[in-house]
C-alpha atoms as a PDB file:
ATOM      1  CA  UNK A   1     109.266 121.986 122.757  1.00  0.00           C
ATOM      2  CA  UNK A   2     110.796 122.204 119.304  1.00  0.00           C
ATOM      3  CA  UNK A   3     109.976 119.175 117.147  1.00  0.00           C
ATOM      4  CA  UNK A   4     111.785 118.586 113.856  1.00  0.00           C
ATOM      5  CA  UNK A   5     110.174 116.047 111.519  1.00  0.00           C
ATOM      6  CA  UNK A   6     112.096 114.745 108.515  1.00  0.00           C
ATOM      7  CA  UNK A   7     109.834 113.520 105.736  1.00  0.00           C
ATOM      8  CA  UNK A   8     107.359 116.169 106.861  1.00  0.00           C
ATOM      9  CA  UNK A   9     105.312 115.995 103.661  1.00  0.00           C
ATOM     10  CA  UNK A  10     104.805 112.236 103.878  1.00  0.00           C
ATOM     11  CA  UNK A  11     101.721 110.306 104.939  1.00  0.00           C
ATOM     12  CA  UNK A  12     102.966 109.911 108.485  1.00  0.00           C
ATOM     13  CA  UNK A  13     105.119 113.037 108.803  1.00  0.00           C
ATOM     14  CA  UNK A  14     102.338 115.421 107.769  1.00  0.00           C
ATOM     15  CA  UNK A  15      99.848 113.815 110.169  1.00  0.00           C
ATOM     16  CA  UNK A  16     102.399 113.943 112.990  1.00  0.00           C
ATOM     17  CA  UNK A  17     102.994 117.645 112.282  1.00  0.00           C
ATOM     18  CA  UNK A  18      99.249 118.364 112.233  1.00  0.00           C
ATOM     19  CA  UNK A  19      98.696 116.464 115.499  1.00  0.00           C
ATOM     20  CA  UNK A  20     101.675 118.100 117.224  1.00  0.00           C
ATOM     21  CA  UNK A  21     100.549 121.600 116.214  1.00  0.00           C
ATOM     22  CA  UNK A  22      97.170 120.910 117.848  1.00  0.00           C
ATOM     23  CA  UNK A  23      99.115 120.294 121.079  1.00  0.00           C
ATOM     24  CA  UNK A  24     100.856 123.669 120.656  1.00  0.00           C
ATOM     25  CA  UNK A  25     104.253 122.113 119.928  1.00  0.00           C
ATOM     26  CA  UNK A  26     106.662 124.132 117.751  1.00  0.00           C
ATOM     27  CA  UNK A  27     106.840 122.038 114.584  1.00  0.00           C
ATOM     28  CA  UNK A  28     109.499 122.187 111.866  1.00  0.00           C
ATOM     29  CA  UNK A  29     108.600 120.044 108.859  1.00  0.00           C
ATOM     30  CA  UNK A  30     111.673 119.150 106.832  1.00  0.00           C
ATOM     31  CA  UNK A  31     111.495 117.709 103.361  1.00  0.00           C
ATOM     32  CA  UNK A  32     113.475 117.773 100.141  1.00  0.00           C
ATOM     33  CA  UNK A  33     110.468 119.351  98.382  1.00  0.00           C
ATOM     34  CA  UNK A  34     108.274 122.229  99.479  1.00  0.00           C
ATOM     35  CA  UNK A  35     105.178 120.113 100.142  1.00  0.00           C
ATOM     36  CA  UNK A  36     104.763 120.157 103.922  1.00  0.00           C
ATOM     37  CA  UNK A  37     101.302 121.547 104.749  1.00  0.00           C
ATOM     38  CA  UNK A  38     101.844 121.779 108.507  1.00  0.00           C
ATOM     39  CA  UNK A  39     104.487 123.520 110.625  1.00  0.00           C
ATOM     40  CA  UNK A  40     107.399 125.699 109.585  1.00  0.00           C
ATOM     41  CA  UNK A  41     108.797 124.273 106.380  1.00  0.00           C
ATOM     42  CA  UNK A  42     112.503 123.460 106.216  1.00  0.00           C
ATOM     43  CA  UNK A  43     113.891 122.452 102.815  1.00  0.00           C
ATOM     44  CA  UNK A  44     116.351 119.687 103.615  1.00  0.00           C
ATOM     45  CA  UNK A  45     118.238 116.974 101.769  1.00  0.00           C
ATOM     46  CA  UNK A  46     119.152 114.481 104.500  1.00  0.00           C
ATOM     47  CA  UNK A  47     121.935 113.039 102.330  1.00  0.00           C
ATOM     48  CA  UNK A  48     123.756 116.391 102.509  1.00  0.00           C
ATOM     49  CA  UNK A  49     125.704 116.288 105.784  1.00  0.00           C
ATOM     50  CA  UNK A  50     126.475 120.028 105.806  1.00  0.00           C
ATOM     51  CA  UNK A  51     122.847 120.957 105.085  1.00  0.00           C
ATOM     52  CA  UNK A  52     121.665 118.747 107.940  1.00  0.00           C
ATOM     53  CA  UNK A  53     124.175 120.349 110.331  1.00  0.00           C
ATOM     54  CA  UNK A  54     123.077 123.850 109.298  1.00  0.00           C
ATOM     55  CA  UNK A  55     119.397 123.025 109.807  1.00  0.00           C
ATOM     56  CA  UNK A  56     120.035 121.568 113.258  1.00  0.00           C
ATOM     57  CA  UNK A  57     122.152 124.551 114.296  1.00  0.00           C
ATOM     58  CA  UNK A  58     119.431 126.960 113.177  1.00  0.00           C
ATOM     59  CA  UNK A  59     116.534 125.096 114.812  1.00  0.00           C
ATOM     60  CA  UNK A  60     118.188 123.449 117.835  1.00  0.00           C
ATOM     61  CA  UNK A  61     115.397 120.844 118.070  1.00  0.00           C
ATOM     62  CA  UNK A  62     114.551 119.173 121.368  1.00  0.00           C
ATOM     63  CA  UNK A  63     113.154 116.132 119.545  1.00  0.00           C
ATOM     64  CA  UNK A  64     113.731 114.805 116.031  1.00  0.00           C
ATOM     65  CA  UNK A  65     111.370 112.325 114.394  1.00  0.00           C
ATOM     66  CA  UNK A  66     113.262 110.880 111.468  1.00  0.00           C
ATOM     67  CA  UNK A  67     110.673 109.621 109.010  1.00  0.00           C
ATOM     68  CA  UNK A  68     112.331 110.616 105.707  1.00  0.00           C
ATOM     69  CA  UNK A  69     113.053 107.496 103.699  1.00  0.00           C
ATOM     70  CA  UNK A  70     112.951 105.946 100.243  1.00  0.00           C
ATOM     71  CA  UNK A  71     109.964 103.678 100.870  1.00  0.00           C
ATOM     72  CA  UNK A  72     109.351 102.454  97.316  1.00  0.00           C
ATOM     73  CA  UNK A  73     110.343  98.814  97.803  1.00  0.00           C
ATOM     74  CA  UNK A  74     110.912  98.103  94.116  1.00  0.00           C
ATOM     75  CA  UNK A  75     112.839 101.339  93.535  1.00  0.00           C
ATOM     76  CA  UNK A  76     115.140 100.378  96.413  1.00  0.00           C
ATOM     77  CA  UNK A  77     115.785  97.035  94.732  1.00  0.00           C
ATOM     78  CA  UNK A  78     116.477  98.626  91.345  1.00  0.00           C
ATOM     79  CA  UNK A  79     118.576 101.525  92.659  1.00  0.00           C
ATOM     80  CA  UNK A  80     120.458 100.192  95.664  1.00  0.00           C
ATOM     81  CA  UNK A  81     122.970 103.019  95.715  1.00  0.00           C
ATOM     82  CA  UNK A  82     120.205 105.621  96.068  1.00  0.00           C
ATOM     83  CA  UNK A  83     118.386 103.525  98.681  1.00  0.00           C
ATOM     84  CA  UNK A  84     121.535 103.246 100.813  1.00  0.00           C
ATOM     85  CA  UNK A  85     122.348 106.943 100.389  1.00  0.00           C
ATOM     86  CA  UNK A  86     118.902 108.073 101.616  1.00  0.00           C
ATOM     87  CA  UNK A  87     117.974 105.391 104.139  1.00  0.00           C
ATOM     88  CA  UNK A  88     121.357 104.672 105.698  1.00  0.00           C
ATOM     89  CA  UNK A  89     123.705 107.598 105.027  1.00  0.00           C
ATOM     90  CA  UNK A  90     120.819 110.028 105.589  1.00  0.00           C
ATOM     91  CA  UNK A  91     120.071 108.446 108.960  1.00  0.00           C
ATOM     92  CA  UNK A  92     123.749 108.643 109.910  1.00  0.00           C
ATOM     93  CA  UNK A  93     123.717 112.386 109.130  1.00  0.00           C
ATOM     94  CA  UNK A  94     120.607 112.877 111.276  1.00  0.00           C
ATOM     95  CA  UNK A  95     122.124 110.896 114.144  1.00  0.00           C
ATOM     96  CA  UNK A  96     125.378 112.896 114.105  1.00  0.00           C
ATOM     97  CA  UNK A  97     123.498 116.181 114.268  1.00  0.00           C
ATOM     98  CA  UNK A  98     121.215 114.856 117.036  1.00  0.00           C
ATOM     99  CA  UNK A  99     124.338 114.005 119.002  1.00  0.00           C
ATOM    100  CA  UNK A 100     125.693 117.533 118.529  1.00  0.00           C
ATOM    101  CA  UNK A 101     122.476 119.287 119.563  1.00  0.00           C
ATOM    102  CA  UNK A 102     121.490 116.761 122.232  1.00  0.00           C
ATOM    103  CA  UNK A 103     118.150 116.132 120.506  1.00  0.00           C
ATOM    104  CA  UNK A 104     116.117 113.054 121.383  1.00  0.00           C
ATOM    105  CA  UNK A 105     115.758 110.841 118.300  1.00  0.00           C
ATOM    106  CA  UNK A 106     112.717 108.877 117.169  1.00  0.00           C
ATOM    107  CA  UNK A 107     113.424 106.670 114.145  1.00  0.00           C
ATOM    108  CA  UNK A 108     110.527 105.367 112.051  1.00  0.00           C
ATOM    109  CA  UNK A 109     111.397 101.915 110.730  1.00  0.00           C
ATOM    110  CA  UNK A 110     109.256  99.185 109.136  1.00  0.00           C
ATOM    111  CA  UNK A 111     107.890  95.652 109.453  1.00  0.00           C
ATOM    112  CA  UNK A 112     110.026  94.811 106.407  1.00  0.00           C
ATOM    113  CA  UNK A 113     113.084  94.340 108.625  1.00  0.00           C
ATOM    114  CA  UNK A 114     111.654  90.822 109.139  1.00  0.00           C
ATOM    115  CA  UNK A 115     111.758  87.924 106.692  1.00  0.00           C
ATOM    116  CA  UNK A 116     108.037  87.168 106.884  1.00  0.00           C
ATOM    117  CA  UNK A 117     108.517  83.470 107.579  1.00  0.00           C
ATOM    118  CA  UNK A 118     107.044  83.653 111.090  1.00  0.00           C
ATOM    119  CA  UNK A 119     104.591  86.545 111.444  1.00  0.00           C
ATOM    120  CA  UNK A 120     103.332  88.185 114.637  1.00  0.00           C
ATOM    121  CA  UNK A 121     106.864  89.390 115.327  1.00  0.00           C
ATOM    122  CA  UNK A 122     107.748  90.755 118.757  1.00  0.00           C
ATOM    123  CA  UNK A 123     110.324  93.504 119.224  1.00  0.00           C
ATOM    124  CA  UNK A 124     113.043  91.089 120.358  1.00  0.00           C
ATOM    125  CA  UNK A 125     112.746  88.768 117.341  1.00  0.00           C
ATOM    126  CA  UNK A 126     115.786  88.615 115.086  1.00  0.00           C
ATOM    127  CA  UNK A 127     115.472  90.854 112.032  1.00  0.00           C
ATOM    128  CA  UNK A 128     116.308  89.200 108.714  1.00  0.00           C
ATOM    129  CA  UNK A 129     115.089  91.279 105.730  1.00  0.00           C
ATOM    130  CA  UNK A 130     114.581  89.658 102.327  1.00  0.00           C
ATOM    131  CA  UNK A 131     114.644  92.810 100.180  1.00  0.00           C
ATOM    132  CA  UNK A 132     117.001  95.767  99.900  1.00  0.00           C
ATOM    133  CA  UNK A 133     114.536  98.224 101.390  1.00  0.00           C
ATOM    134  CA  UNK A 134     114.427  96.094 104.539  1.00  0.00           C
ATOM    135  CA  UNK A 135     118.217  95.790 104.529  1.00  0.00           C
ATOM    136  CA  UNK A 136     118.641  99.583 104.486  1.00  0.00           C
ATOM    137  CA  UNK A 137     116.047 100.137 107.208  1.00  0.00           C
ATOM    138  CA  UNK A 138     117.690  97.551 109.458  1.00  0.00           C
ATOM    139  CA  UNK A 139     121.105  99.142 108.858  1.00  0.00           C
ATOM    140  CA  UNK A 140     119.590 102.486 109.870  1.00  0.00           C
ATOM    141  CA  UNK A 141     118.116 100.926 113.031  1.00  0.00           C
ATOM    142  CA  UNK A 142     121.580  99.692 113.958  1.00  0.00           C
ATOM    143  CA  UNK A 143     123.010 103.196 113.480  1.00  0.00           C
ATOM    144  CA  UNK A 144     120.323 104.661 115.745  1.00  0.00           C
ATOM    145  CA  UNK A 145     121.014 102.010 118.381  1.00  0.00           C
ATOM    146  CA  UNK A 146     124.584 103.292 118.825  1.00  0.00           C
ATOM    147  CA  UNK A 147     123.022 106.046 120.972  1.00  0.00           C
ATOM    148  CA  UNK A 148     122.314 105.610 124.673  1.00  0.00           C
ATOM    149  CA  UNK A 149     118.717 106.784 124.285  1.00  0.00           C
ATOM    150  CA  UNK A 150     116.446 106.505 121.259  1.00  0.00           C
ATOM    151  CA  UNK A 151     113.022 105.307 120.190  1.00  0.00           C
ATOM    152  CA  UNK A 152     112.582 103.039 117.194  1.00  0.00           C
ATOM    153  CA  UNK A 153     108.974 102.777 115.993  1.00  0.00           C
ATOM    154  CA  UNK A 154     108.032 100.015 113.560  1.00  0.00           C
ATOM    155  CA  UNK A 155     104.743 100.560 111.690  1.00  0.00           C
ATOM    156  CA  UNK A 156     103.255  98.426 108.910  1.00  0.00           C
ATOM    157  CA  UNK A 157     101.378  99.514 105.752  1.00  0.00           C
ATOM    158  CA  UNK A 158     100.589 103.095 106.781  1.00  0.00           C
ATOM    159  CA  UNK A 159      97.352 104.554 105.430  1.00  0.00           C
ATOM    160  CA  UNK A 160      95.393 107.755 106.011  1.00  0.00           C
ATOM    161  CA  UNK A 161      92.568 110.056 104.952  1.00  0.00           C
ATOM    162  CA  UNK A 162      94.410 112.245 102.455  1.00  0.00           C
ATOM    163  CA  UNK A 163      97.092 111.872  99.759  1.00  0.00           C
ATOM    164  CA  UNK A 164     100.579 112.928 100.871  1.00  0.00           C
ATOM    165  CA  UNK A 165     103.686 113.939  98.944  1.00  0.00           C
ATOM    166  CA  UNK A 166     101.712 113.510  95.740  1.00  0.00           C
ATOM    167  CA  UNK A 167     100.963 109.840  96.444  1.00  0.00           C
ATOM    168  CA  UNK A 168      97.719 108.036  97.246  1.00  0.00           C
ATOM    169  CA  UNK A 169      97.965 105.326  99.909  1.00  0.00           C
ATOM    170  CA  UNK A 170      96.483 101.821  99.575  1.00  0.00           C
ATOM    171  CA  UNK A 171      93.219 102.616 101.375  1.00  0.00           C
ATOM    172  CA  UNK A 172      92.482 105.761  99.348  1.00  0.00           C
ATOM    173  CA  UNK A 173      93.477 104.042  96.101  1.00  0.00           C
ATOM    174  CA  UNK A 174      91.127 101.144  96.811  1.00  0.00           C
ATOM    175  CA  UNK A 175      88.228 103.404  97.804  1.00  0.00           C
ATOM    176  CA  UNK A 176      88.633 105.522  94.655  1.00  0.00           C
ATOM    177  CA  UNK A 177      88.915 102.446  92.426  1.00  0.00           C
ATOM    178  CA  UNK A 178      85.873 100.680  93.882  1.00  0.00           C
ATOM    179  CA  UNK A 179      83.802 103.868  93.702  1.00  0.00           C
ATOM    180  CA  UNK A 180      84.490 103.904  89.950  1.00  0.00           C
ATOM    181  CA  UNK A 181      83.161 100.340  89.749  1.00  0.00           C
ATOM    182  CA  UNK A 182      86.521  98.980  88.641  1.00  0.00           C
ATOM    183  CA  UNK A 183      87.781  95.514  89.567  1.00  0.00           C
ATOM    184  CA  UNK A 184      91.012  95.033  91.518  1.00  0.00           C
ATOM    185  CA  UNK A 185      93.241  92.029  92.156  1.00  0.00           C
ATOM    186  CA  UNK A 186      94.529  91.831  95.730  1.00  0.00           C
ATOM    187  CA  UNK A 187      96.839  89.158  97.110  1.00  0.00           C
ATOM    188  CA  UNK A 188      95.573  86.699  99.707  1.00  0.00           C
ATOM    189  CA  UNK A 189      98.996  85.380 100.752  1.00  0.00           C
ATOM    190  CA  UNK A 190     100.619  88.469 102.325  1.00  0.00           C
ATOM    191  CA  UNK A 191      99.835  89.452 105.916  1.00  0.00           C
ATOM    192  CA  UNK A 192     100.512  92.760 107.680  1.00  0.00           C
ATOM    193  CA  UNK A 193      99.231  94.882 110.556  1.00  0.00           C
ATOM    194  CA  UNK A 194      97.981  98.022 108.731  1.00  0.00           C
ATOM    195  CA  UNK A 195      98.577 101.287 110.558  1.00  0.00           C
ATOM    196  CA  UNK A 196      96.358 104.374 110.517  1.00  0.00           C
ATOM    197  CA  UNK A 197      98.659 107.405 110.365  1.00  0.00           C
ATOM    198  CA  UNK A 198      96.604 109.243 113.012  1.00  0.00           C
ATOM    199  CA  UNK A 199      97.017 106.395 115.493  1.00  0.00           C
ATOM    200  CA  UNK A 200     100.767 106.243 114.805  1.00  0.00           C
ATOM    201  CA  UNK A 201     101.119 110.029 115.204  1.00  0.00           C
ATOM    202  CA  UNK A 202      99.281 110.016 118.540  1.00  0.00           C
ATOM    203  CA  UNK A 203     101.365 107.122 119.865  1.00  0.00           C
ATOM    204  CA  UNK A 204     104.555 108.882 118.748  1.00  0.00           C
ATOM    205  CA  UNK A 205     103.645 112.054 120.607  1.00  0.00           C
ATOM    206  CA  UNK A 206     102.802 110.087 123.746  1.00  0.00           C
ATOM    207  CA  UNK A 207     106.190 108.373 123.537  1.00  0.00           C
ATOM    208  CA  UNK A 208     107.905 111.753 123.185  1.00  0.00           C
ATOM    209  CA  UNK A 209     105.983 113.311 126.075  1.00  0.00           C
ATOM    210  CA  UNK A 210     106.727 110.326 128.330  1.00  0.00           C
ATOM    211  CA  UNK A 211     110.312 109.971 127.069  1.00  0.00           C
ATOM    212  CA  UNK A 212     109.853 106.303 126.243  1.00  0.00           C
ATOM    213  CA  UNK A 213     112.918 104.574 124.801  1.00  0.00           C
ATOM    214  CA  UNK A 214     113.733 101.337 123.015  1.00  0.00           C
ATOM    215  CA  UNK A 215     111.983  99.509 120.164  1.00  0.00           C
ATOM    216  CA  UNK A 216     108.203  99.462 119.856  1.00  0.00           C
ATOM    217  CA  UNK A 217     105.866  97.992 117.266  1.00  0.00           C
ATOM    218  CA  UNK A 218     103.595 100.999 116.755  1.00  0.00           C
ATOM    219  CA  UNK A 219     101.184  99.643 114.176  1.00  0.00           C
ATOM    220  CA  UNK A 220      97.606  98.454 113.960  1.00  0.00           C
ATOM    221  CA  UNK A 221      96.509  95.728 116.359  1.00  0.00           C
ATOM    222  CA  UNK A 222      94.926  93.458 113.716  1.00  0.00           C
ATOM    223  CA  UNK A 223      96.772  90.940 111.529  1.00  0.00           C
ATOM    224  CA  UNK A 224      95.087  90.743 108.138  1.00  0.00           C
ATOM    225  CA  UNK A 225      95.975  89.664 104.624  1.00  0.00           C
ATOM    226  CA  UNK A 226      96.007  92.337 101.950  1.00  0.00           C
ATOM    227  CA  UNK A 227      92.815  90.783 100.584  1.00  0.00           C
ATOM    228  CA  UNK A 228      91.110  90.869 104.008  1.00  0.00           C
ATOM    229  CA  UNK A 229      92.219  94.466 104.477  1.00  0.00           C
ATOM    230  CA  UNK A 230      90.693  95.409 101.129  1.00  0.00           C
ATOM    231  CA  UNK A 231      87.428  93.657 101.998  1.00  0.00           C
ATOM    232  CA  UNK A 232      87.214  95.404 105.367  1.00  0.00           C
ATOM    233  CA  UNK A 233      87.770  98.782 103.693  1.00  0.00           C
ATOM    234  CA  UNK A 234      84.961  98.004 101.231  1.00  0.00           C
ATOM    235  CA  UNK A 235      82.652  97.002 104.096  1.00  0.00           C
ATOM    236  CA  UNK A 236      83.436 100.127 106.111  1.00  0.00           C
ATOM    237  CA  UNK A 237      82.723 102.423 103.164  1.00  0.00           C
ATOM    238  CA  UNK A 238      79.732 100.521 101.758  1.00  0.00           C
ATOM    239  CA  UNK A 239      81.503  99.546  98.546  1.00  0.00           C
ATOM    240  CA  UNK A 240      81.074  96.455  96.380  1.00  0.00           C
ATOM    241  CA  UNK A 241      83.301  93.647  97.711  1.00  0.00           C
ATOM    242  CA  UNK A 242      82.604  91.589  94.588  1.00  0.00           C
ATOM    243  CA  UNK A 243      84.937  93.925  92.689  1.00  0.00           C
ATOM    244  CA  UNK A 244      87.850  92.671  94.798  1.00  0.00           C
ATOM    245  CA  UNK A 245      89.332  89.569  93.176  1.00  0.00           C
ATOM    246  CA  UNK A 246      91.568  87.186  95.115  1.00  0.00           C
ATOM    247  CA  UNK A 247      95.055  86.699  93.702  1.00  0.00           C
ATOM    248  CA  UNK A 248      98.334  85.052  94.677  1.00  0.00           C
ATOM    249  CA  UNK A 249     101.569  87.016  94.920  1.00  0.00           C
ATOM    250  CA  UNK A 250     103.059  84.623  92.327  1.00  0.00           C
ATOM    251  CA  UNK A 251     100.739  86.244  89.766  1.00  0.00           C
ATOM    252  CA  UNK A 252     102.617  89.526  90.117  1.00  0.00           C
ATOM    253  CA  UNK A 253     106.105  90.285  88.875  1.00  0.00           C
ATOM    254  CA  UNK A 254     107.800  92.627  91.367  1.00  0.00           C
ATOM    255  CA  UNK A 255     111.530  93.466  91.325  1.00  0.00           C
ATOM    256  CA  UNK A 256     111.654  93.108  95.136  1.00  0.00           C
ATOM    257  CA  UNK A 257     110.512  90.147  97.215  1.00  0.00           C
ATOM    258  CA  UNK A 258     107.745  90.791  99.730  1.00  0.00           C
ATOM    259  CA  UNK A 259     107.681  89.112 103.147  1.00  0.00           C
ATOM    260  CA  UNK A 260     104.794  86.643 103.292  1.00  0.00           C
ATOM    261  CA  UNK A 261     103.833  87.502 106.865  1.00  0.00           C
ATOM    262  CA  UNK A 262     105.478  90.586 108.354  1.00  0.00           C
ATOM    263  CA  UNK A 263     102.677  91.207 110.850  1.00  0.00           C
ATOM    264  CA  UNK A 264     103.817  92.743 114.125  1.00  0.00           C
ATOM    265  CA  UNK A 265     102.803  91.860 117.680  1.00  0.00           C
ATOM    266  CA  UNK A 266     101.691  94.988 119.584  1.00  0.00           C
ATOM    267  CA  UNK A 267     101.452  93.540 123.114  1.00  0.00           C
ATOM    268  CA  UNK A 268     104.387  95.633 124.366  1.00  0.00           C
ATOM    269  CA  UNK A 269     102.747  98.825 123.095  1.00  0.00           C
ATOM    270  CA  UNK A 270      99.325  97.738 124.403  1.00  0.00           C
ATOM    271  CA  UNK A 271     100.821  97.331 127.877  1.00  0.00           C
ATOM    272  CA  UNK A 272     102.859 100.547 127.799  1.00  0.00           C
ATOM    273  CA  UNK A 273     100.823 103.183 125.978  1.00  0.00           C
ATOM    274  CA  UNK A 274      97.682 104.999 127.038  1.00  0.00           C
ATOM    275  CA  UNK A 275      96.997 105.645 123.342  1.00  0.00           C
ATOM    276  CA  UNK A 276      96.943 102.047 122.169  1.00  0.00           C
ATOM    277  CA  UNK A 277      97.318 100.427 118.742  1.00  0.00           C
ATOM    278  CA  UNK A 278      93.862 100.319 117.166  1.00  0.00           C
ATOM    279  CA  UNK A 279      92.063  97.256 115.858  1.00  0.00           C
ATOM    280  CA  UNK A 280      91.242  97.418 112.177  1.00  0.00           C
ATOM    281  CA  UNK A 281      87.516  98.008 112.672  1.00  0.00           C
ATOM    282  CA  UNK A 282      88.226 101.034 114.895  1.00  0.00           C
ATOM    283  CA  UNK A 283      90.913 102.382 112.553  1.00  0.00           C
ATOM    284  CA  UNK A 284      88.579 102.243 109.574  1.00  0.00           C
ATOM    285  CA  UNK A 285      85.803 103.982 111.515  1.00  0.00           C
ATOM    286  CA  UNK A 286      88.258 106.771 112.343  1.00  0.00           C
ATOM    287  CA  UNK A 287      89.417 106.911 108.709  1.00  0.00           C
ATOM    288  CA  UNK A 288      85.793 107.236 107.595  1.00  0.00           C
ATOM    289  CA  UNK A 289      85.191 110.014 110.128  1.00  0.00           C
ATOM    290  CA  UNK A 290      88.300 111.930 109.001  1.00  0.00           C
ATOM    291  CA  UNK A 291      87.357 111.631 105.326  1.00  0.00           C
ATOM    292  CA  UNK A 292      83.832 112.925 106.022  1.00  0.00           C
ATOM    293  CA  UNK A 293      85.286 115.873 107.956  1.00  0.00           C
ATOM    294  CA  UNK A 294      87.640 116.751 105.109  1.00  0.00           C
ATOM    295  CA  UNK A 295      84.853 116.447 102.546  1.00  0.00           C
ATOM    296  CA  UNK A 296      83.111 119.173 104.566  1.00  0.00           C
END
């Protein structure tokens, strides 16, 4: 099987490539920069329709996991034209080429398609984003859904054991900061279902192998506030929880609104998948194990 991953240097894309290679899948990691550590690198700007067509013609992928996206929520709010170009027009280019090559498409979306007023969202709940990032991701979902067969995966707050695409994720940032003995302010009034990239990669590959279709919430199985998440990370790594100070989101000035509770219900995935969404305690144990392995 030939697997093409867009956003191959990202936190999720790189882990998916690494996991797929271990299963002896032919992996093509596409990204706009030459950063992909796993698979055959393909330099690709998804906003360039002709470049996308050329890449698809050359590779002829059986499956495409479209994870490339402008995920900086505030940047999307401040530069809406760029956000739409990457997240929506880019997805349309990927879809058109998938249609030409007959490739199965997996689209990686987000919990931010929801308003955050309800929490514990199920797949059939009405999406109603409150920031431009969420608006673009929902528009991309709707483009993908014009196909007869597709898989839309919605994760939430992805984290992992190594920096990706030059960026450190929340868990690694917190661990590094607490190890330095520095205090951090973390909000108590935002809830998510944090997702270990390894768990998401394994669920994605199972979905591909079993040819599952539709919308699935492929995230962690535990609803926690950002503050609770930070405390659980500190506990798992034996760090000083007293350095984590409780704060309200009103204390921060962000260009983009954040949903108060965008946590996702994983019951559908729990019932369907053999590789199930992990509870936070299990995810953090796996994160710890991976970090120890990488430290050698």
